Amino acid sequence: MRNPTVCAAIFALLLGAGTASAHHAFSADFDQNKPVTLEGTITKVQWTSPHVMTYIDVKDNDGKVTNWKVELGSPTQLTKAGWTRDMLKVGEMINLQGWQAKNGTNFANAEEVTMANGQKLSAASSFKHEGVATSGSKTPKPESNEKSTAPKSTAPKSTAPKSTAPKSTAPKY
């Protein structure tokens, strides 16, 4: 090809294809109807794009230990949510809420992680960013064994449309 613009465009498409194929929608792997709560010991952490992965050993009621692969958000999303690269440490206990893989394997997408010290952090799940909720409903959260003690607001929601007119920047006299 002799046209440098066409060559550059094709190169850019090929370069971006690897990155785009690595990222996926929540619904490609996870089932919003399979909420899970997992408590276990961290065995491995991979702080890489497009998703941070952690592996945890979870003990069932019979004492059998199963290793789960857990997907969190991207390093950038987690950093914005208050995470640091070294917060997940091999050997520490964590509790998380999320959703299991569609195929029923020990693979989950985390919504929230509770650290050993009790600190709760968003796992920057891709679930809420996908637009799964329908009009008038909230995106469902994974079931939890904990009861919420936060008071619910009874204030009516405003139905007035928001103004889209630009604000005046002229000085007031």
N, C-alpha and C. Protein backbone atom coordinates (compact mmCIF):
# COMPACT_ATOMS: atom_id res chain seq x y z
N MET A 1 0.84 -1.18 0.00
CA MET A 1 0.00 0.00 0.00
C MET A 1 0.88 1.24 0.00
N ARG A 2 0.51 2.16 -0.85
CA ARG A 2 1.33 3.37 -0.96
C ARG A 2 0.72 4.55 -0.23
N ASN A 3 -0.54 4.45 0.15
CA ASN A 3 -1.19 5.57 0.83
C ASN A 3 -0.88 5.49 2.33
N PRO A 4 -0.09 6.42 2.87
CA PRO A 4 0.30 6.35 4.29
C PRO A 4 -0.88 6.50 5.24
N THR A 5 -1.91 7.21 4.84
CA THR A 5 -3.08 7.39 5.71
C THR A 5 -3.82 6.06 5.88
N VAL A 6 -3.99 5.33 4.79
CA VAL A 6 -4.67 4.03 4.85
C VAL A 6 -3.83 3.06 5.67
N CYS A 7 -2.54 3.05 5.47
CA CYS A 7 -1.65 2.17 6.24
C CYS A 7 -1.74 2.48 7.73
N ALA A 8 -1.74 3.76 8.07
CA ALA A 8 -1.81 4.16 9.48
C ALA A 8 -3.15 3.74 10.09
N ALA A 9 -4.23 3.90 9.34
CA ALA A 9 -5.55 3.52 9.84
C ALA A 9 -5.64 2.02 10.09
N ILE A 10 -5.13 1.24 9.17
CA ILE A 10 -5.16 -0.22 9.33
C ILE A 10 -4.29 -0.64 10.52
N PHE A 11 -3.13 -0.04 10.66
CA PHE A 11 -2.25 -0.33 11.78
C PHE A 11 -2.94 -0.02 13.11
N ALA A 12 -3.61 1.13 13.18
CA ALA A 12 -4.30 1.53 14.41
C ALA A 12 -5.43 0.55 14.74
N LEU A 13 -6.16 0.10 13.74
CA LEU A 13 -7.23 -0.87 13.98
C LEU A 13 -6.68 -2.19 14.50
N LEU A 14 -5.60 -2.66 13.89
CA LEU A 14 -5.01 -3.92 14.33
C LEU A 14 -4.43 -3.79 15.73
N LEU A 15 -3.83 -2.67 16.05
CA LEU A 15 -3.25 -2.44 17.37
C LEU A 15 -4.33 -2.44 18.44
N GLY A 16 -5.44 -1.80 18.17
CA GLY A 16 -6.53 -1.71 19.13
C GLY A 16 -7.34 -2.98 19.26
N ALA A 17 -7.28 -3.87 18.31
CA ALA A 17 -8.08 -5.08 18.34
C ALA A 17 -7.72 -5.98 19.51
N GLY A 18 -6.45 -6.08 19.85
CA GLY A 18 -6.04 -6.92 20.97
C GLY A 18 -6.57 -6.42 22.29
N THR A 19 -6.53 -5.12 22.51
CA THR A 19 -7.02 -4.53 23.74
C THR A 19 -8.53 -4.66 23.83
N ALA A 20 -9.22 -4.38 22.75
CA ALA A 20 -10.68 -4.43 22.76
C ALA A 20 -11.18 -5.84 22.99
N SER A 21 -10.52 -6.83 22.45
CA SER A 21 -10.99 -8.20 22.62
C SER A 21 -10.76 -8.72 24.03
N ALA A 22 -9.83 -8.12 24.77
CA ALA A 22 -9.56 -8.56 26.13
C ALA A 22 -10.63 -8.08 27.09
N HIS A 23 -11.28 -6.98 26.79
CA HIS A 23 -12.32 -6.46 27.66
C HIS A 23 -13.67 -7.02 27.22
N HIS A 24 -14.58 -7.17 28.14
CA HIS A 24 -15.86 -7.78 27.82
C HIS A 24 -16.97 -7.15 28.64
N ALA A 25 -18.19 -7.36 28.21
CA ALA A 25 -19.35 -6.90 28.96
C ALA A 25 -19.61 -7.87 30.11
N PHE A 26 -20.20 -7.37 31.20
CA PHE A 26 -20.55 -8.20 32.35
C PHE A 26 -21.34 -9.42 31.90
N SER A 27 -22.34 -9.21 31.05
CA SER A 27 -23.25 -10.28 30.65
C SER A 27 -22.58 -11.37 29.81
N ALA A 28 -21.38 -11.11 29.31
CA ALA A 28 -20.68 -12.13 28.54
C ALA A 28 -20.25 -13.31 29.41
N ASP A 29 -19.90 -13.05 30.67
CA ASP A 29 -19.39 -14.10 31.54
C ASP A 29 -20.21 -14.34 32.81
N PHE A 30 -20.92 -13.32 33.30
CA PHE A 30 -21.53 -13.41 34.63
C PHE A 30 -23.05 -13.36 34.57
N ASP A 31 -23.67 -13.97 35.57
CA ASP A 31 -25.12 -14.07 35.64
C ASP A 31 -25.64 -13.22 36.79
N GLN A 32 -26.40 -12.17 36.46
CA GLN A 32 -26.93 -11.30 37.50
C GLN A 32 -27.91 -12.02 38.41
N ASN A 33 -28.36 -13.20 38.04
CA ASN A 33 -29.27 -14.00 38.86
C ASN A 33 -28.54 -15.03 39.72
N LYS A 34 -27.22 -14.95 39.76
CA LYS A 34 -26.40 -15.86 40.58
C LYS A 34 -25.53 -15.06 41.54
N PRO A 35 -26.14 -14.37 42.51
CA PRO A 35 -25.33 -13.62 43.46
C PRO A 35 -24.55 -14.56 44.37
N VAL A 36 -23.34 -14.16 44.72
CA VAL A 36 -22.51 -14.96 45.63
C VAL A 36 -21.90 -14.06 46.70
N THR A 37 -21.73 -14.63 47.88
CA THR A 37 -20.97 -14.00 48.95
C THR A 37 -19.86 -14.99 49.28
N LEU A 38 -18.63 -14.54 49.16
CA LEU A 38 -17.47 -15.41 49.37
C LEU A 38 -16.60 -14.84 50.47
N GLU A 39 -16.12 -15.73 51.35
CA GLU A 39 -15.18 -15.34 52.38
C GLU A 39 -14.02 -16.31 52.30
N GLY A 40 -12.83 -15.76 52.20
CA GLY A 40 -11.69 -16.66 52.08
C GLY A 40 -10.36 -15.95 52.19
N THR A 41 -9.32 -16.74 51.97
CA THR A 41 -7.95 -16.27 52.08
C THR A 41 -7.39 -16.01 50.69
N ILE A 42 -6.78 -14.85 50.52
CA ILE A 42 -6.20 -14.48 49.22
C ILE A 42 -5.00 -15.38 48.94
N THR A 43 -4.99 -15.97 47.72
CA THR A 43 -3.87 -16.82 47.33
C THR A 43 -3.02 -16.21 46.22
N LYS A 44 -3.61 -15.26 45.46
CA LYS A 44 -2.89 -14.65 44.34
C LYS A 44 -3.59 -13.36 43.96
N VAL A 45 -2.82 -12.38 43.50
CA VAL A 45 -3.36 -11.10 43.03
C VAL A 45 -2.67 -10.74 41.73
N GLN A 46 -3.46 -10.35 40.72
CA GLN A 46 -2.92 -9.88 39.45
C GLN A 46 -3.46 -8.47 39.21
N TRP A 47 -2.65 -7.46 39.46
CA TRP A 47 -3.05 -6.06 39.32
C TRP A 47 -2.68 -5.62 37.90
N THR A 48 -3.50 -6.02 36.92
CA THR A 48 -3.23 -5.73 35.51
C THR A 48 -4.52 -5.31 34.81
N SER A 49 -4.36 -4.65 33.67
CA SER A 49 -5.51 -4.27 32.85
C SER A 49 -5.87 -5.45 31.97
N PRO A 50 -7.11 -5.64 31.56
CA PRO A 50 -8.20 -4.71 31.78
C PRO A 50 -8.92 -4.90 33.12
N HIS A 51 -8.67 -6.02 33.82
CA HIS A 51 -9.32 -6.25 35.11
C HIS A 51 -8.30 -6.77 36.11
N VAL A 52 -8.42 -6.31 37.35
CA VAL A 52 -7.62 -6.88 38.43
C VAL A 52 -8.27 -8.22 38.79
N MET A 53 -7.45 -9.23 38.95
CA MET A 53 -7.94 -10.55 39.34
C MET A 53 -7.33 -10.92 40.69
N THR A 54 -8.16 -11.50 41.54
CA THR A 54 -7.64 -12.05 42.78
C THR A 54 -8.18 -13.47 42.90
N TYR A 55 -7.43 -14.30 43.55
CA TYR A 55 -7.83 -15.68 43.76
C TYR A 55 -7.94 -15.90 45.25
N ILE A 56 -9.02 -16.55 45.69
CA ILE A 56 -9.21 -16.78 47.12
C ILE A 56 -9.62 -18.23 47.37
N ASP A 57 -9.08 -18.77 48.48
CA ASP A 57 -9.49 -20.10 48.93
C ASP A 57 -10.70 -19.93 49.83
N VAL A 58 -11.81 -20.55 49.43
CA VAL A 58 -13.06 -20.48 50.17
C VAL A 58 -13.37 -21.85 50.74
N LYS A 59 -13.65 -21.90 52.05
CA LYS A 59 -13.96 -23.16 52.72
C LYS A 59 -15.47 -23.31 52.83
N ASP A 60 -16.02 -24.46 52.37
CA ASP A 60 -17.46 -24.68 52.48
C ASP A 60 -17.82 -25.25 53.85
N ASN A 61 -19.09 -25.54 54.07
CA ASN A 61 -19.57 -26.03 55.37
C ASN A 61 -18.95 -27.37 55.77
N ASP A 62 -18.51 -28.15 54.80
CA ASP A 62 -17.89 -29.45 55.08
C ASP A 62 -16.38 -29.35 55.25
N GLY A 63 -15.84 -28.13 55.14
CA GLY A 63 -14.40 -27.94 55.30
C GLY A 63 -13.61 -28.08 54.01
N LYS A 64 -14.30 -28.34 52.90
CA LYS A 64 -13.62 -28.47 51.61
C LYS A 64 -13.22 -27.08 51.12
N VAL A 65 -11.97 -26.91 50.70
CA VAL A 65 -11.46 -25.64 50.21
C VAL A 65 -11.50 -25.62 48.69
N THR A 66 -12.07 -24.55 48.15
CA THR A 66 -12.15 -24.35 46.71
C THR A 66 -11.55 -23.00 46.37
N ASN A 67 -10.71 -22.96 45.34
CA ASN A 67 -10.10 -21.70 44.92
C ASN A 67 -11.02 -21.01 43.90
N TRP A 68 -11.34 -19.75 44.17
CA TRP A 68 -12.18 -18.93 43.30
C TRP A 68 -11.33 -17.87 42.62
N LYS A 69 -11.59 -17.65 41.35
CA LYS A 69 -11.00 -16.54 40.60
C LYS A 69 -12.04 -15.42 40.66
N VAL A 70 -11.61 -14.23 41.07
CA VAL A 70 -12.54 -13.12 41.24
C VAL A 70 -12.07 -11.91 40.43
N GLU A 71 -12.95 -11.43 39.57
CA GLU A 71 -12.65 -10.26 38.74
C GLU A 71 -13.12 -8.99 39.43
N LEU A 72 -12.24 -8.00 39.46
CA LEU A 72 -12.58 -6.67 39.96
C LEU A 72 -12.49 -5.71 38.78
N GLY A 73 -12.69 -4.43 39.02
CA GLY A 73 -12.57 -3.44 37.96
C GLY A 73 -11.13 -3.27 37.51
N SER A 74 -10.92 -2.30 36.65
CA SER A 74 -9.57 -2.03 36.16
C SER A 74 -8.74 -1.37 37.25
N PRO A 75 -7.41 -1.40 37.13
CA PRO A 75 -6.58 -0.70 38.12
C PRO A 75 -6.95 0.78 38.25
N THR A 76 -7.29 1.42 37.15
CA THR A 76 -7.66 2.84 37.19
C THR A 76 -8.95 3.04 37.97
N GLN A 77 -9.97 2.21 37.69
CA GLN A 77 -11.25 2.32 38.40
C GLN A 77 -11.07 2.06 39.90
N LEU A 78 -10.28 1.07 40.24
CA LEU A 78 -10.07 0.74 41.65
C LEU A 78 -9.32 1.86 42.36
N THR A 79 -8.34 2.45 41.70
CA THR A 79 -7.60 3.56 42.29
C THR A 79 -8.54 4.73 42.57
N LYS A 80 -9.44 5.02 41.64
CA LYS A 80 -10.42 6.09 41.84
C LYS A 80 -11.37 5.77 42.99
N ALA A 81 -11.59 4.48 43.25
CA ALA A 81 -12.49 4.05 44.33
C ALA A 81 -11.77 3.97 45.68
N GLY A 82 -10.47 4.33 45.71
CA GLY A 82 -9.74 4.36 46.98
C GLY A 82 -8.78 3.21 47.21
N TRP A 83 -8.61 2.35 46.23
CA TRP A 83 -7.70 1.22 46.35
C TRP A 83 -6.26 1.65 46.10
N THR A 84 -5.33 0.88 46.65
CA THR A 84 -3.93 0.98 46.28
C THR A 84 -3.50 -0.40 45.82
N ARG A 85 -2.44 -0.45 45.05
CA ARG A 85 -1.97 -1.70 44.46
C ARG A 85 -1.69 -2.80 45.50
N ASP A 86 -1.26 -2.40 46.70
CA ASP A 86 -0.84 -3.38 47.69
C ASP A 86 -1.91 -3.69 48.76
N MET A 87 -3.15 -3.30 48.53
CA MET A 87 -4.20 -3.56 49.54
C MET A 87 -4.57 -5.04 49.64
N LEU A 88 -4.58 -5.73 48.52
CA LEU A 88 -4.89 -7.16 48.54
C LEU A 88 -3.58 -7.91 48.75
N LYS A 89 -3.47 -8.58 49.90
CA LYS A 89 -2.23 -9.27 50.25
C LYS A 89 -2.48 -10.77 50.38
N VAL A 90 -1.61 -11.55 49.77
CA VAL A 90 -1.68 -13.00 49.87
C VAL A 90 -1.65 -13.39 51.34
N GLY A 91 -2.56 -14.27 51.73
CA GLY A 91 -2.63 -14.74 53.11
C GLY A 91 -3.69 -14.03 53.95
N GLU A 92 -4.18 -12.87 53.49
CA GLU A 92 -5.20 -12.13 54.26
C GLU A 92 -6.60 -12.62 53.89
N MET A 93 -7.50 -12.47 54.86
CA MET A 93 -8.91 -12.84 54.66
C MET A 93 -9.66 -11.66 54.04
N ILE A 94 -10.57 -11.95 53.13
CA ILE A 94 -11.48 -10.94 52.60
C ILE A 94 -12.87 -11.56 52.47
N ASN A 95 -13.85 -10.70 52.40
CA ASN A 95 -15.24 -11.11 52.17
C ASN A 95 -15.70 -10.29 50.98
N LEU A 96 -16.37 -10.92 50.04
CA LEU A 96 -16.84 -10.15 48.90
C LEU A 96 -18.23 -10.59 48.48
N GLN A 97 -18.90 -9.64 47.86
CA GLN A 97 -20.21 -9.90 47.28
C GLN A 97 -20.10 -9.67 45.79
N GLY A 98 -20.73 -10.52 45.02
CA GLY A 98 -20.66 -10.38 43.58
C GLY A 98 -21.59 -11.35 42.89
N TRP A 99 -21.22 -11.73 41.68
CA TRP A 99 -22.04 -12.62 40.87
C TRP A 99 -21.17 -13.71 40.28
N GLN A 100 -21.72 -14.93 40.24
CA GLN A 100 -21.00 -16.08 39.72
C GLN A 100 -21.05 -16.11 38.19
N ALA A 101 -20.08 -16.80 37.61
CA ALA A 101 -20.02 -16.98 36.17
C ALA A 101 -21.25 -17.73 35.68
N LYS A 102 -21.66 -17.44 34.46
CA LYS A 102 -22.82 -18.10 33.85
C LYS A 102 -22.64 -19.61 33.78
N ASN A 103 -21.41 -20.06 33.55
CA ASN A 103 -21.16 -21.48 33.37
C ASN A 103 -21.06 -22.25 34.70
N GLY A 104 -21.25 -21.55 35.83
CA GLY A 104 -21.27 -22.22 37.13
C GLY A 104 -19.91 -22.55 37.72
N THR A 105 -18.84 -22.11 37.07
CA THR A 105 -17.50 -22.39 37.60
C THR A 105 -17.21 -21.47 38.78
N ASN A 106 -16.07 -21.68 39.40
CA ASN A 106 -15.64 -20.86 40.54
C ASN A 106 -14.97 -19.59 40.04
N PHE A 107 -15.76 -18.80 39.34
CA PHE A 107 -15.33 -17.53 38.78
C PHE A 107 -16.42 -16.52 39.11
N ALA A 108 -16.04 -15.37 39.65
CA ALA A 108 -17.04 -14.37 40.06
C ALA A 108 -16.58 -12.97 39.69
N ASN A 109 -17.56 -12.08 39.58
CA ASN A 109 -17.32 -10.66 39.39
C ASN A 109 -17.71 -10.00 40.70
N ALA A 110 -16.78 -9.28 41.33
CA ALA A 110 -17.03 -8.68 42.64
C ALA A 110 -17.68 -7.31 42.52
N GLU A 111 -18.64 -7.05 43.39
CA GLU A 111 -19.29 -5.74 43.49
C GLU A 111 -18.69 -4.95 44.66
N GLU A 112 -18.48 -5.65 45.79
CA GLU A 112 -17.97 -5.00 46.99
C GLU A 112 -17.04 -5.96 47.72
N VAL A 113 -15.96 -5.41 48.26
CA VAL A 113 -14.99 -6.21 49.01
C VAL A 113 -14.88 -5.65 50.42
N THR A 114 -14.94 -6.54 51.42
CA THR A 114 -14.71 -6.14 52.80
C THR A 114 -13.36 -6.70 53.21
N MET A 115 -12.46 -5.79 53.58
CA MET A 115 -11.11 -6.17 53.97
C MET A 115 -11.12 -6.78 55.38
N ALA A 116 -10.01 -7.39 55.77
CA ALA A 116 -9.90 -8.03 57.08
C ALA A 116 -10.12 -7.03 58.22
N ASN A 117 -9.78 -5.76 58.00
CA ASN A 117 -9.96 -4.74 59.04
C ASN A 117 -11.38 -4.15 59.07
N GLY A 118 -12.27 -4.68 58.21
CA GLY A 118 -13.65 -4.22 58.18
C GLY A 118 -13.93 -3.14 57.15
N GLN A 119 -12.90 -2.61 56.51
CA GLN A 119 -13.06 -1.57 55.50
C GLN A 119 -13.78 -2.15 54.27
N LYS A 120 -14.86 -1.47 53.85
CA LYS A 120 -15.61 -1.90 52.67
C LYS A 120 -15.25 -1.00 51.50
N LEU A 121 -14.98 -1.63 50.36
CA LEU A 121 -14.60 -0.90 49.16
C LEU A 121 -15.38 -1.41 47.95
N SER A 122 -15.71 -0.49 47.06
CA SER A 122 -16.31 -0.88 45.79
C SER A 122 -15.27 -1.65 44.99
N ALA A 123 -15.73 -2.69 44.31
CA ALA A 123 -14.82 -3.46 43.46
C ALA A 123 -14.88 -2.98 42.02
N ALA A 124 -15.60 -1.86 41.78
CA ALA A 124 -15.71 -1.26 40.45
C ALA A 124 -16.20 -2.27 39.42
N SER A 125 -17.24 -3.00 39.79
CA SER A 125 -17.81 -4.02 38.92
C SER A 125 -18.30 -3.44 37.61
N SER A 126 -18.20 -4.21 36.55
CA SER A 126 -18.71 -3.79 35.25
C SER A 126 -20.23 -3.96 35.18
N PHE A 127 -20.83 -4.58 36.17
CA PHE A 127 -22.28 -4.82 36.17
C PHE A 127 -23.08 -3.54 36.06
N LYS A 128 -22.82 -2.59 36.92
CA LYS A 128 -23.64 -1.39 36.97
C LYS A 128 -23.40 -0.45 35.79
N HIS A 129 -22.33 -0.65 35.05
CA HIS A 129 -22.02 0.24 33.94
C HIS A 129 -22.58 -0.26 32.62
N GLU A 130 -23.30 -1.35 32.66
CA GLU A 130 -23.75 -1.95 31.42
C GLU A 130 -25.15 -1.53 31.00
N GLY A 131 -25.90 -0.87 31.89
CA GLY A 131 -27.24 -0.45 31.54
C GLY A 131 -28.24 -1.59 31.56
N VAL A 132 -28.08 -2.53 32.48
CA VAL A 132 -28.95 -3.68 32.57
C VAL A 132 -30.30 -3.31 33.18
N ALA A 133 -30.32 -2.30 34.03
CA ALA A 133 -31.56 -1.94 34.70
C ALA A 133 -32.53 -1.33 33.70
N THR A 134 -33.81 -1.58 33.94
CA THR A 134 -34.82 -1.01 33.07
C THR A 134 -35.39 0.23 33.71
N SER A 135 -36.12 1.00 32.95
CA SER A 135 -36.67 2.26 33.44
C SER A 135 -37.50 2.03 34.69
N GLY A 136 -37.24 2.83 35.70
CA GLY A 136 -38.02 2.75 36.93
C GLY A 136 -37.50 1.71 37.90
N SER A 137 -36.43 1.02 37.59
CA SER A 137 -35.91 0.02 38.53
C SER A 137 -34.46 0.34 38.84
N LYS A 138 -33.99 -0.22 39.92
CA LYS A 138 -32.60 -0.05 40.30
C LYS A 138 -31.84 -1.30 39.90
N THR A 139 -30.56 -1.14 39.65
CA THR A 139 -29.71 -2.27 39.36
C THR A 139 -29.65 -3.14 40.60
N PRO A 140 -29.99 -4.43 40.49
CA PRO A 140 -29.98 -5.28 41.69
C PRO A 140 -28.58 -5.48 42.22
N LYS A 141 -28.45 -5.50 43.53
CA LYS A 141 -27.17 -5.76 44.19
C LYS A 141 -27.18 -7.22 44.63
N PRO A 142 -26.02 -7.81 44.80
CA PRO A 142 -25.97 -9.18 45.29
C PRO A 142 -26.59 -9.26 46.68
N GLU A 143 -27.18 -10.41 46.96
CA GLU A 143 -27.79 -10.61 48.27
C GLU A 143 -26.71 -10.61 49.34
N SER A 144 -27.07 -10.12 50.50
CA SER A 144 -26.14 -10.06 51.61
C SER A 144 -26.81 -10.64 52.84
N ASN A 145 -26.01 -11.20 53.72
CA ASN A 145 -26.54 -11.72 54.98
C ASN A 145 -26.71 -10.61 56.00
N GLU A 146 -26.14 -9.43 55.71
CA GLU A 146 -26.21 -8.32 56.64
C GLU A 146 -27.48 -7.52 56.41
N LYS A 147 -28.08 -7.04 57.49
CA LYS A 147 -29.26 -6.19 57.41
C LYS A 147 -28.80 -4.74 57.41
N SER A 148 -29.37 -3.94 56.54
CA SER A 148 -29.01 -2.53 56.50
C SER A 148 -29.70 -1.79 57.63
N THR A 149 -28.94 -0.95 58.31
CA THR A 149 -29.52 -0.15 59.39
C THR A 149 -29.65 1.30 58.98
N ALA A 150 -29.29 1.61 57.73
CA ALA A 150 -29.39 2.98 57.26
C ALA A 150 -30.85 3.34 57.03
N PRO A 151 -31.27 4.52 57.51
CA PRO A 151 -32.65 4.93 57.29
C PRO A 151 -32.89 5.22 55.82
N LYS A 152 -34.08 4.86 55.34
CA LYS A 152 -34.43 5.12 53.96
C LYS A 152 -35.12 6.47 53.86
N SER A 153 -34.84 7.20 52.83
CA SER A 153 -35.42 8.52 52.63
C SER A 153 -36.88 8.38 52.23
N THR A 154 -37.71 9.21 52.82
CA THR A 154 -39.12 9.21 52.46
C THR A 154 -39.47 10.48 51.71
N ALA A 155 -38.46 11.31 51.42
CA ALA A 155 -38.69 12.56 50.70
C ALA A 155 -39.09 12.25 49.26
N PRO A 156 -40.09 12.96 48.74
CA PRO A 156 -40.50 12.70 47.35
C PRO A 156 -39.40 13.14 46.39
N LYS A 157 -39.30 12.40 45.29
CA LYS A 157 -38.31 12.74 44.28
C LYS A 157 -38.87 13.84 43.40
N SER A 158 -38.01 14.76 43.01
CA SER A 158 -38.43 15.86 42.16
C SER A 158 -38.67 15.34 40.75
N THR A 159 -39.77 15.76 40.14
CA THR A 159 -40.05 15.37 38.77
C THR A 159 -39.88 16.54 37.82
N ALA A 160 -39.43 17.67 38.35
CA ALA A 160 -39.23 18.85 37.51
C ALA A 160 -38.05 18.62 36.58
N PRO A 161 -38.22 18.99 35.30
CA PRO A 161 -37.08 18.79 34.37
C PRO A 161 -35.95 19.74 34.71
N LYS A 162 -34.74 19.23 34.49
CA LYS A 162 -33.57 20.05 34.75
C LYS A 162 -33.37 21.01 33.58
N SER A 163 -32.94 22.21 33.90
CA SER A 163 -32.72 23.21 32.87
C SER A 163 -31.47 22.87 32.08
N THR A 164 -31.58 23.00 30.77
CA THR A 164 -30.42 22.76 29.92
C THR A 164 -29.89 24.07 29.35
N ALA A 165 -30.50 25.19 29.76
CA ALA A 165 -30.05 26.49 29.26
C ALA A 165 -28.68 26.81 29.84
N PRO A 166 -27.81 27.37 29.02
CA PRO A 166 -26.48 27.73 29.54
C PRO A 166 -26.58 28.83 30.59
N LYS A 167 -25.72 28.75 31.58
CA LYS A 167 -25.70 29.76 32.64
C LYS A 167 -24.99 30.99 32.10
N SER A 168 -25.51 32.14 32.51
CA SER A 168 -24.94 33.40 32.07
C SER A 168 -23.62 33.65 32.78
N THR A 169 -22.66 34.10 32.04
CA THR A 169 -21.37 34.43 32.63
C THR A 169 -21.16 35.95 32.64
N ALA A 170 -22.21 36.68 32.25
CA ALA A 170 -22.11 38.14 32.21
C ALA A 170 -22.06 38.67 33.65
N PRO A 171 -21.28 39.73 33.88
CA PRO A 171 -21.19 40.30 35.24
C PRO A 171 -22.53 40.94 35.63
N LYS A 172 -22.84 40.85 36.91
CA LYS A 172 -24.06 41.45 37.45
C LYS A 172 -23.73 42.83 37.99
N TYR A 173 -24.59 43.82 37.68
CA TYR A 173 -24.34 45.20 38.13
C TYR A 173 -25.32 45.61 39.16
